[in-house]
PDB file of N, CA and C in Angstrom:
ATOM      1  N   MET A   1     108.115  97.157 111.076  1.00  0.00           N
ATOM      2  CA  MET A   1     107.690  96.208 110.089  1.00  0.00           C
ATOM      3  C   MET A   1     106.173  96.251 110.011  1.00  0.00           C
ATOM      4  N   ILE A   2     105.679  96.159 108.800  1.00  0.00           N
ATOM      5  CA  ILE A   2     104.239  96.082 108.574  1.00  0.00           C
ATOM      6  C   ILE A   2     103.951  94.747 107.904  1.00  0.00           C
ATOM      7  N   GLU A   3     103.069  93.964 108.503  1.00  0.00           N
ATOM      8  CA  GLU A   3     102.629  92.706 107.910  1.00  0.00           C
ATOM      9  C   GLU A   3     101.191  92.895 107.448  1.00  0.00           C
ATOM     10  N   THR A   4     100.900  92.459 106.224  1.00  0.00           N
ATOM     11  CA  THR A   4      99.554  92.638 105.688  1.00  0.00           C
ATOM     12  C   THR A   4      99.007  91.318 105.169  1.00  0.00           C
ATOM     13  N   ASP A   5      97.693  91.244 105.133  1.00  0.00           N
ATOM     14  CA  ASP A   5      97.022  90.106 104.525  1.00  0.00           C
ATOM     15  C   ASP A   5      95.653  90.572 104.052  1.00  0.00           C
ATOM     16  N   ALA A   6      95.182  89.929 103.014  1.00  0.00           N
ATOM     17  CA  ALA A   6      93.863  90.255 102.479  1.00  0.00           C
ATOM     18  C   ALA A   6      93.148  88.961 102.118  1.00  0.00           C
ATOM     19  N   SER A   7      91.847  88.977 102.277  1.00  0.00           N
ATOM     20  CA  SER A   7      91.019  87.851 101.857  1.00  0.00           C
ATOM     21  C   SER A   7      89.948  88.405 100.927  1.00  0.00           C
ATOM     22  N   ASP A   8      89.009  87.570 100.556  1.00  0.00           N
ATOM     23  CA  ASP A   8      87.936  88.032  99.677  1.00  0.00           C
ATOM     24  C   ASP A   8      87.084  89.103 100.337  1.00  0.00           C
ATOM     25  N   TYR A   9      87.003  89.095 101.672  1.00  0.00           N
ATOM     26  CA  TYR A   9      86.061  89.960 102.367  1.00  0.00           C
ATOM     27  C   TYR A   9      86.671  90.947 103.354  1.00  0.00           C
ATOM     28  N   ALA A  10      87.989  90.849 103.615  1.00  0.00           N
ATOM     29  CA  ALA A  10      88.587  91.712 104.640  1.00  0.00           C
ATOM     30  C   ALA A  10      90.078  91.921 104.384  1.00  0.00           C
ATOM     31  N   ILE A  11      90.618  92.962 105.040  1.00  0.00           N
ATOM     32  CA  ILE A  11      92.059  93.210 105.041  1.00  0.00           C
ATOM     33  C   ILE A  11      92.510  93.326 106.493  1.00  0.00           C
ATOM     34  N   ALA A  12      93.785  93.013 106.738  1.00  0.00           N
ATOM     35  CA  ALA A  12      94.333  93.126 108.090  1.00  0.00           C
ATOM     36  C   ALA A  12      95.805  93.497 107.998  1.00  0.00           C
ATOM     37  N   THR A  13      96.275  94.286 108.960  1.00  0.00           N
ATOM     38  CA  THR A  13      97.682  94.676 109.023  1.00  0.00           C
ATOM     39  C   THR A  13      98.137  94.708 110.477  1.00  0.00           C
ATOM     40  N   ILE A  14      99.422  94.447 110.668  1.00  0.00           N
ATOM     41  CA  ILE A  14     100.039  94.510 111.994  1.00  0.00           C
ATOM     42  C   ILE A  14     101.281  95.381 111.890  1.00  0.00           C
ATOM     43  N   LEU A  15     101.406  96.342 112.782  1.00  0.00           N
ATOM     44  CA  LEU A  15     102.603  97.174 112.889  1.00  0.00           C
ATOM     45  C   LEU A  15     103.420  96.639 114.054  1.00  0.00           C
ATOM     46  N   SER A  16     104.678  96.273 113.782  1.00  0.00           N
ATOM     47  CA  SER A  16     105.547  95.702 114.814  1.00  0.00           C
ATOM     48  C   SER A  16     106.874  96.433 114.862  1.00  0.00           C
ATOM     49  N   ILE A  17     107.517  96.371 116.028  1.00  0.00           N
ATOM     50  CA  ILE A  17     108.879  96.880 116.171  1.00  0.00           C
ATOM     51  C   ILE A  17     109.784  95.702 116.527  1.00  0.00           C
ATOM     52  N   THR A  18     111.064  95.847 116.202  1.00  0.00           N
ATOM     53  CA  THR A  18     112.042  94.824 116.550  1.00  0.00           C
ATOM     54  C   THR A  18     112.716  95.226 117.854  1.00  0.00           C
ATOM     55  N   LEU A  19     112.632  94.361 118.840  1.00  0.00           N
ATOM     56  CA  LEU A  19     113.255  94.614 120.133  1.00  0.00           C
ATOM     57  C   LEU A  19     114.759  94.376 120.047  1.00  0.00           C
ATOM     58  N   SER A  20     115.486  94.784 121.060  1.00  0.00           N
ATOM     59  CA  SER A  20     116.945  94.650 121.061  1.00  0.00           C
ATOM     60  C   SER A  20     117.398  93.193 120.990  1.00  0.00           C
ATOM     61  N   ASN A  21     116.546  92.262 121.428  1.00  0.00           N
ATOM     62  CA  ASN A  21     116.899  90.844 121.349  1.00  0.00           C
ATOM     63  C   ASN A  21     116.493  90.215 120.013  1.00  0.00           C
ATOM     64  N   GLY A  22     115.977  91.030 119.080  1.00  0.00           N
ATOM     65  CA  GLY A  22     115.616  90.555 117.749  1.00  0.00           C
ATOM     66  C   GLY A  22     114.185  90.086 117.601  1.00  0.00           C
ATOM     67  N   GLU A  23     113.436  90.023 118.682  1.00  0.00           N
ATOM     68  CA  GLU A  23     112.044  89.587 118.613  1.00  0.00           C
ATOM     69  C   GLU A  23     111.152  90.715 118.122  1.00  0.00           C
ATOM     70  N   LEU A  24     110.108  90.339 117.378  1.00  0.00           N
ATOM     71  CA  LEU A  24     109.121  91.318 116.931  1.00  0.00           C
ATOM     72  C   LEU A  24     108.075  91.509 118.019  1.00  0.00           C
ATOM     73  N   HIS A  25     107.690  92.765 118.235  1.00  0.00           N
ATOM     74  CA  HIS A  25     106.674  93.102 119.231  1.00  0.00           C
ATOM     75  C   HIS A  25     105.584  93.913 118.534  1.00  0.00           C
ATOM     76  N   PRO A  26     104.334  93.408 118.503  1.00  0.00           N
ATOM     77  CA  PRO A  26     103.259  94.157 117.848  1.00  0.00           C
ATOM     78  C   PRO A  26     102.944  95.452 118.591  1.00  0.00           C
ATOM     79  N   VAL A  27     102.745  96.510 117.814  1.00  0.00           N
ATOM     80  CA  VAL A  27     102.419  97.823 118.372  1.00  0.00           C
ATOM     81  C   VAL A  27     100.961  98.171 118.090  1.00  0.00           C
ATOM     82  N   ALA A  28     100.492  97.818 116.892  1.00  0.00           N
ATOM     83  CA  ALA A  28      99.118  98.156 116.506  1.00  0.00           C
ATOM     84  C   ALA A  28      98.591  97.103 115.539  1.00  0.00           C
ATOM     85  N   PHE A  29      97.274  96.960 115.523  1.00  0.00           N
ATOM     86  CA  PHE A  29      96.596  96.021 114.640  1.00  0.00           C
ATOM     87  C   PHE A  29      95.432  96.750 113.992  1.00  0.00           C
ATOM     88  N   LEU A  30      95.204  96.460 112.723  1.00  0.00           N
ATOM     89  CA  LEU A  30      94.113  97.092 111.990  1.00  0.00           C
ATOM     90  C   LEU A  30      93.445  96.037 111.126  1.00  0.00           C
ATOM     91  N   SER A  31      92.130  95.984 111.168  1.00  0.00           N
ATOM     92  CA  SER A  31      91.402  95.108 110.248  1.00  0.00           C
ATOM     93  C   SER A  31      90.139  95.826 109.804  1.00  0.00           C
ATOM     94  N   ARG A  32      89.756  95.542 108.591  1.00  0.00           N
ATOM     95  CA  ARG A  32      88.554  96.159 108.028  1.00  0.00           C
ATOM     96  C   ARG A  32      87.824  95.136 107.166  1.00  0.00           C
ATOM     97  N   THR A  33      86.513  95.167 107.242  1.00  0.00           N
ATOM     98  CA  THR A  33      85.692  94.390 106.335  1.00  0.00           C
ATOM     99  C   THR A  33      85.536  95.192 105.055  1.00  0.00           C
ATOM    100  N   LEU A  34      85.693  94.535 103.930  1.00  0.00           N
ATOM    101  CA  LEU A  34      85.533  95.218 102.649  1.00  0.00           C
ATOM    102  C   LEU A  34      84.052  95.313 102.312  1.00  0.00           C
ATOM    103  N   THR A  35      83.658  96.468 101.802  1.00  0.00           N
ATOM    104  CA  THR A  35      82.262  96.685 101.435  1.00  0.00           C
ATOM    105  C   THR A  35      82.194  97.320 100.058  1.00  0.00           C
ATOM    106  N   GLY A  36      81.020  97.276  99.479  1.00  0.00           N
ATOM    107  CA  GLY A  36      80.776  97.952  98.210  1.00  0.00           C
ATOM    108  C   GLY A  36      81.693  97.480  97.098  1.00  0.00           C
ATOM    109  N   ALA A  37      82.200  98.444  96.341  1.00  0.00           N
ATOM    110  CA  ALA A  37      83.035  98.150  95.175  1.00  0.00           C
ATOM    111  C   ALA A  37      84.342  97.460  95.551  1.00  0.00           C
ATOM    112  N   LYS A  38      84.821  97.664  96.782  1.00  0.00           N
ATOM    113  CA  LYS A  38      86.093  97.053  97.194  1.00  0.00           C
ATOM    114  C   LYS A  38      86.006  95.529  97.239  1.00  0.00           C
ATOM    115  N   LEU A  39      84.807  94.992  97.379  1.00  0.00           N
ATOM    116  CA  LEU A  39      84.639  93.538  97.330  1.00  0.00           C
ATOM    117  C   LEU A  39      84.978  92.983  95.949  1.00  0.00           C
ATOM    118  N   ASN A  40      84.873  93.822  94.924  1.00  0.00           N
ATOM    119  CA  ASN A  40      85.132  93.387  93.552  1.00  0.00           C
ATOM    120  C   ASN A  40      86.579  93.587  93.122  1.00  0.00           C
ATOM    121  N   TYR A  41      87.423  94.156  93.979  1.00  0.00           N
ATOM    122  CA  TYR A  41      88.833  94.360  93.637  1.00  0.00           C
ATOM    123  C   TYR A  41      89.510  93.016  93.379  1.00  0.00           C
ATOM    124  N   ASP A  42      90.497  93.027  92.479  1.00  0.00           N
ATOM    125  CA  ASP A  42      91.355  91.856  92.304  1.00  0.00           C
ATOM    126  C   ASP A  42      92.164  91.657  93.579  1.00  0.00           C
ATOM    127  N   MET A  43      92.671  90.439  93.772  1.00  0.00           N
ATOM    128  CA  MET A  43      93.383  90.135  95.018  1.00  0.00           C
ATOM    129  C   MET A  43      94.625  91.006  95.193  1.00  0.00           C
ATOM    130  N   HIS A  44      95.366  91.274  94.116  1.00  0.00           N
ATOM    131  CA  HIS A  44      96.558  92.119  94.279  1.00  0.00           C
ATOM    132  C   HIS A  44      96.174  93.540  94.685  1.00  0.00           C
ATOM    133  N   ASP A  45      95.016  94.015  94.237  1.00  0.00           N
ATOM    134  CA  ASP A  45      94.551  95.340  94.651  1.00  0.00           C
ATOM    135  C   ASP A  45      94.121  95.343  96.119  1.00  0.00           C
ATOM    136  N   LYS A  46      93.559  94.247  96.590  1.00  0.00           N
ATOM    137  CA  LYS A  46      93.185  94.148  98.004  1.00  0.00           C
ATOM    138  C   LYS A  46      94.431  94.137  98.886  1.00  0.00           C
ATOM    139  N   GLU A  47      95.476  93.434  98.444  1.00  0.00           N
ATOM    140  CA  GLU A  47      96.738  93.421  99.202  1.00  0.00           C
ATOM    141  C   GLU A  47      97.346  94.824  99.240  1.00  0.00           C
ATOM    142  N   LEU A  48      97.327  95.512  98.104  1.00  0.00           N
ATOM    143  CA  LEU A  48      97.857  96.871  98.052  1.00  0.00           C
ATOM    144  C   LEU A  48      97.003  97.820  98.890  1.00  0.00           C
ATOM    145  N   LEU A  49      95.694  97.611  98.914  1.00  0.00           N
ATOM    146  CA  LEU A  49      94.806  98.406  99.761  1.00  0.00           C
ATOM    147  C   LEU A  49      95.170  98.238 101.239  1.00  0.00           C
ATOM    148  N   ALA A  50      95.513  97.027 101.643  1.00  0.00           N
ATOM    149  CA  ALA A  50      95.919  96.794 103.034  1.00  0.00           C
ATOM    150  C   ALA A  50      97.173  97.594 103.367  1.00  0.00           C
ATOM    151  N   ILE A  51      98.135  97.633 102.444  1.00  0.00           N
ATOM    152  CA  ILE A  51      99.355  98.418 102.657  1.00  0.00           C
ATOM    153  C   ILE A  51      99.015  99.901 102.732  1.00  0.00           C
ATOM    154  N   PHE A  52      98.174 100.371 101.820  1.00  0.00           N
ATOM    155  CA  PHE A  52      97.773 101.778 101.802  1.00  0.00           C
ATOM    156  C   PHE A  52      97.080 102.167 103.108  1.00  0.00           C
ATOM    157  N   GLU A  53      96.156 101.337 103.571  1.00  0.00           N
ATOM    158  CA  GLU A  53      95.432 101.626 104.815  1.00  0.00           C
ATOM    159  C   GLU A  53      96.381 101.666 106.011  1.00  0.00           C
ATOM    160  N   ALA A  54      97.385 100.795 106.006  1.00  0.00           N
ATOM    161  CA  ALA A  54      98.361 100.796 107.098  1.00  0.00           C
ATOM    162  C   ALA A  54      99.119 102.113 107.135  1.00  0.00           C
ATOM    163  N   PHE A  55      99.612 102.568 105.983  1.00  0.00           N
ATOM    164  CA  PHE A  55     100.350 103.828 105.949  1.00  0.00           C
ATOM    165  C   PHE A  55      99.443 105.011 106.277  1.00  0.00           C
ATOM    166  N   LYS A  56      98.205 104.962 105.820  1.00  0.00           N
ATOM    167  CA  LYS A  56      97.265 106.047 106.107  1.00  0.00           C
ATOM    168  C   LYS A  56      96.932 106.109 107.600  1.00  0.00           C
ATOM    169  N   SER A  57      96.694 104.966 108.211  1.00  0.00           N
ATOM    170  CA  SER A  57      96.298 104.926 109.619  1.00  0.00           C
ATOM    171  C   SER A  57      97.451 105.189 110.573  1.00  0.00           C
ATOM    172  N   TRP A  58      98.651 104.761 110.197  1.00  0.00           N
ATOM    173  CA  TRP A  58      99.787 104.846 111.112  1.00  0.00           C
ATOM    174  C   TRP A  58     100.847 105.835 110.652  1.00  0.00           C
ATOM    175  N   CYS A  59     100.459 106.824 109.851  1.00  0.00           N
ATOM    176  CA  CYS A  59     101.448 107.779 109.320  1.00  0.00           C
ATOM    177  C   CYS A  59     102.186 108.493 110.447  1.00  0.00           C
ATOM    178  N   HIS A  60     101.532 108.752 111.563  1.00  0.00           N
ATOM    179  CA  HIS A  60     102.193 109.432 112.683  1.00  0.00           C
ATOM    180  C   HIS A  60     103.283 108.564 113.311  1.00  0.00           C
ATOM    181  N   TYR A  61     103.197 107.251 113.176  1.00  0.00           N
ATOM    182  CA  TYR A  61     104.271 106.369 113.644  1.00  0.00           C
ATOM    183  C   TYR A  61     105.379 106.234 112.599  1.00  0.00           C
ATOM    184  N   LEU A  62     104.998 106.267 111.320  1.00  0.00           N
ATOM    185  CA  LEU A  62     105.921 105.891 110.250  1.00  0.00           C
ATOM    186  C   LEU A  62     106.723 107.050 109.675  1.00  0.00           C
ATOM    187  N   GLU A  63     106.145 108.255 109.649  1.00  0.00           N
ATOM    188  CA  GLU A  63     106.867 109.398 109.088  1.00  0.00           C
ATOM    189  C   GLU A  63     108.075 109.722 109.956  1.00  0.00           C
ATOM    190  N   GLY A  64     109.195 109.876 109.321  1.00  0.00           N
ATOM    191  CA  GLY A  64     110.415 110.205 110.042  1.00  0.00           C
ATOM    192  C   GLY A  64     111.017 109.036 110.795  1.00  0.00           C
ATOM    193  N   ALA A  65     110.625 107.817 110.439  1.00  0.00           N
ATOM    194  CA  ALA A  65     111.182 106.639 111.112  1.00  0.00           C
ATOM    195  C   ALA A  65     112.686 106.575 110.886  1.00  0.00           C
ATOM    196  N   ALA A  66     113.417 106.226 111.926  1.00  0.00           N
ATOM    197  CA  ALA A  66     114.882 106.157 111.846  1.00  0.00           C
ATOM    198  C   ALA A  66     115.346 104.978 110.993  1.00  0.00           C
ATOM    199  N   ASN A  67     114.556 103.917 110.933  1.00  0.00           N
ATOM    200  CA  ASN A  67     114.919 102.716 110.176  1.00  0.00           C
ATOM    201  C   ASN A  67     114.007 102.550 108.973  1.00  0.00           C
ATOM    202  N   LEU A  68     114.454 101.740 108.017  1.00  0.00           N
ATOM    203  CA  LEU A  68     113.602 101.411 106.883  1.00  0.00           C
ATOM    204  C   LEU A  68     112.375 100.652 107.373  1.00  0.00           C
ATOM    205  N   ILE A  69     111.277 100.829 106.675  1.00  0.00           N
ATOM    206  CA  ILE A  69     110.040 100.148 107.028  1.00  0.00           C
ATOM    207  C   ILE A  69     109.895  98.948 106.106  1.00  0.00           C
ATOM    208  N   ASN A  70     109.928  97.762 106.674  1.00  0.00           N
ATOM    209  CA  ASN A  70     109.756  96.534 105.901  1.00  0.00           C
ATOM    210  C   ASN A  70     108.275  96.214 105.808  1.00  0.00           C
ATOM    211  N   ILE A  71     107.850  95.810 104.604  1.00  0.00           N
ATOM    212  CA  ILE A  71     106.464  95.413 104.386  1.00  0.00           C
ATOM    213  C   ILE A  71     106.468  93.942 104.017  1.00  0.00           C
ATOM    214  N   VAL A  72     105.721  93.143 104.771  1.00  0.00           N
ATOM    215  CA  VAL A  72     105.644  91.712 104.522  1.00  0.00           C
ATOM    216  C   VAL A  72     104.232  91.391 104.056  1.00  0.00           C
ATOM    217  N   THR A  73     104.137  90.799 102.871  1.00  0.00           N
ATOM    218  CA  THR A  73     102.852  90.390 102.327  1.00  0.00           C
ATOM    219  C   THR A  73     103.024  89.019 101.698  1.00  0.00           C
ATOM    220  N   ASP A  74     101.943  88.293 101.555  1.00  0.00           N
ATOM    221  CA  ASP A  74     102.036  86.957 100.975  1.00  0.00           C
ATOM    222  C   ASP A  74     101.674  86.940  99.490  1.00  0.00           C
ATOM    223  N   HIS A  75     101.595  88.094  98.868  1.00  0.00           N
ATOM    224  CA  HIS A  75     101.199  88.157  97.468  1.00  0.00           C
ATOM    225  C   HIS A  75     102.406  88.476  96.597  1.00  0.00           C
ATOM    226  N   LYS A  76     102.814  87.534  95.764  1.00  0.00           N
ATOM    227  CA  LYS A  76     104.027  87.663  94.945  1.00  0.00           C
ATOM    228  C   LYS A  76     103.945  88.799  93.924  1.00  0.00           C
ATOM    229  N   ASN A  77     102.759  89.141  93.446  1.00  0.00           N
ATOM    230  CA  ASN A  77     102.634  90.204  92.443  1.00  0.00           C
ATOM    231  C   ASN A  77     103.048  91.566  92.973  1.00  0.00           C
ATOM    232  N   LEU A  78     103.137  91.720  94.288  1.00  0.00           N
ATOM    233  CA  LEU A  78     103.502  93.006  94.871  1.00  0.00           C
ATOM    234  C   LEU A  78     105.001  93.128  95.120  1.00  0.00           C
ATOM    235  N   GLU A  79     105.798  92.170  94.649  1.00  0.00           N
ATOM    236  CA  GLU A  79     107.250  92.237  94.854  1.00  0.00           C
ATOM    237  C   GLU A  79     107.830  93.521  94.285  1.00  0.00           C
ATOM    238  N   TYR A  80     107.376  93.936  93.107  1.00  0.00           N
ATOM    239  CA  TYR A  80     107.898  95.166  92.507  1.00  0.00           C
ATOM    240  C   TYR A  80     107.630  96.353  93.420  1.00  0.00           C
ATOM    241  N   PHE A  81     106.418  96.444  93.945  1.00  0.00           N
ATOM    242  CA  PHE A  81     106.077  97.559  94.829  1.00  0.00           C
ATOM    243  C   PHE A  81     106.947  97.560  96.073  1.00  0.00           C
ATOM    244  N   SER A  82     107.141  96.393  96.646  1.00  0.00           N
ATOM    245  CA  SER A  82     107.888  96.328  97.904  1.00  0.00           C
ATOM    246  C   SER A  82     109.375  96.565  97.725  1.00  0.00           C
ATOM    247  N   THR A  83     109.889  96.496  96.498  1.00  0.00           N
ATOM    248  CA  THR A  83     111.311  96.744  96.281  1.00  0.00           C
ATOM    249  C   THR A  83     111.569  98.130  95.706  1.00  0.00           C
ATOM    250  N   THR A  84     110.534  98.914  95.472  1.00  0.00           N
ATOM    251  CA  THR A  84     110.723 100.277  94.990  1.00  0.00           C
ATOM    252  C   THR A  84     111.472 101.072  96.050  1.00  0.00           C
ATOM    253  N   LYS A  85     112.529 101.745  95.644  1.00  0.00           N
ATOM    254  CA  LYS A  85     113.404 102.415  96.607  1.00  0.00           C
ATOM    255  C   LYS A  85     112.851 103.749  97.101  1.00  0.00           C
ATOM    256  N   ILE A  86     112.210 104.525  96.221  1.00  0.00           N
ATOM    257  CA  ILE A  86     111.708 105.844  96.606  1.00  0.00           C
ATOM    258  C   ILE A  86     110.222 105.914  96.263  1.00  0.00           C
ATOM    259  N   LEU A  87     109.402 106.173  97.269  1.00  0.00           N
ATOM    260  CA  LEU A  87     107.964 106.323  97.065  1.00  0.00           C
ATOM    261  C   LEU A  87     107.585 107.778  97.265  1.00  0.00           C
ATOM    262  N   THR A  88     106.690 108.283  96.441  1.00  0.00           N
ATOM    263  CA  THR A  88     106.228 109.657  96.598  1.00  0.00           C
ATOM    264  C   THR A  88     104.986 109.671  97.463  1.00  0.00           C
ATOM    265  N   GLN A  89     104.729 110.820  98.082  1.00  0.00           N
ATOM    266  CA  GLN A  89     103.535 110.922  98.928  1.00  0.00           C
ATOM    267  C   GLN A  89     102.343 111.266  98.101  1.00  0.00           C
TER     268      GLN A  89
END
């Protein structure tokens, strides 16, 4: 599972696995301060940037995953993206 959040000035993501007892266990954390033109992005673009950075940084964990990768974000405009069944590289 990937959890993401974005603010006006930063993005953050958490990569977690589900243990056999159903609890989530964090594996990695990533945060970045936004600089330059990225500070001017709309909020939905900042949320999508957080998802993109997570996949870019953790591709070695995510490629070939046996289970579906769930993405949790608090931005409703990204519902379409999160329900897309097939994503291209």
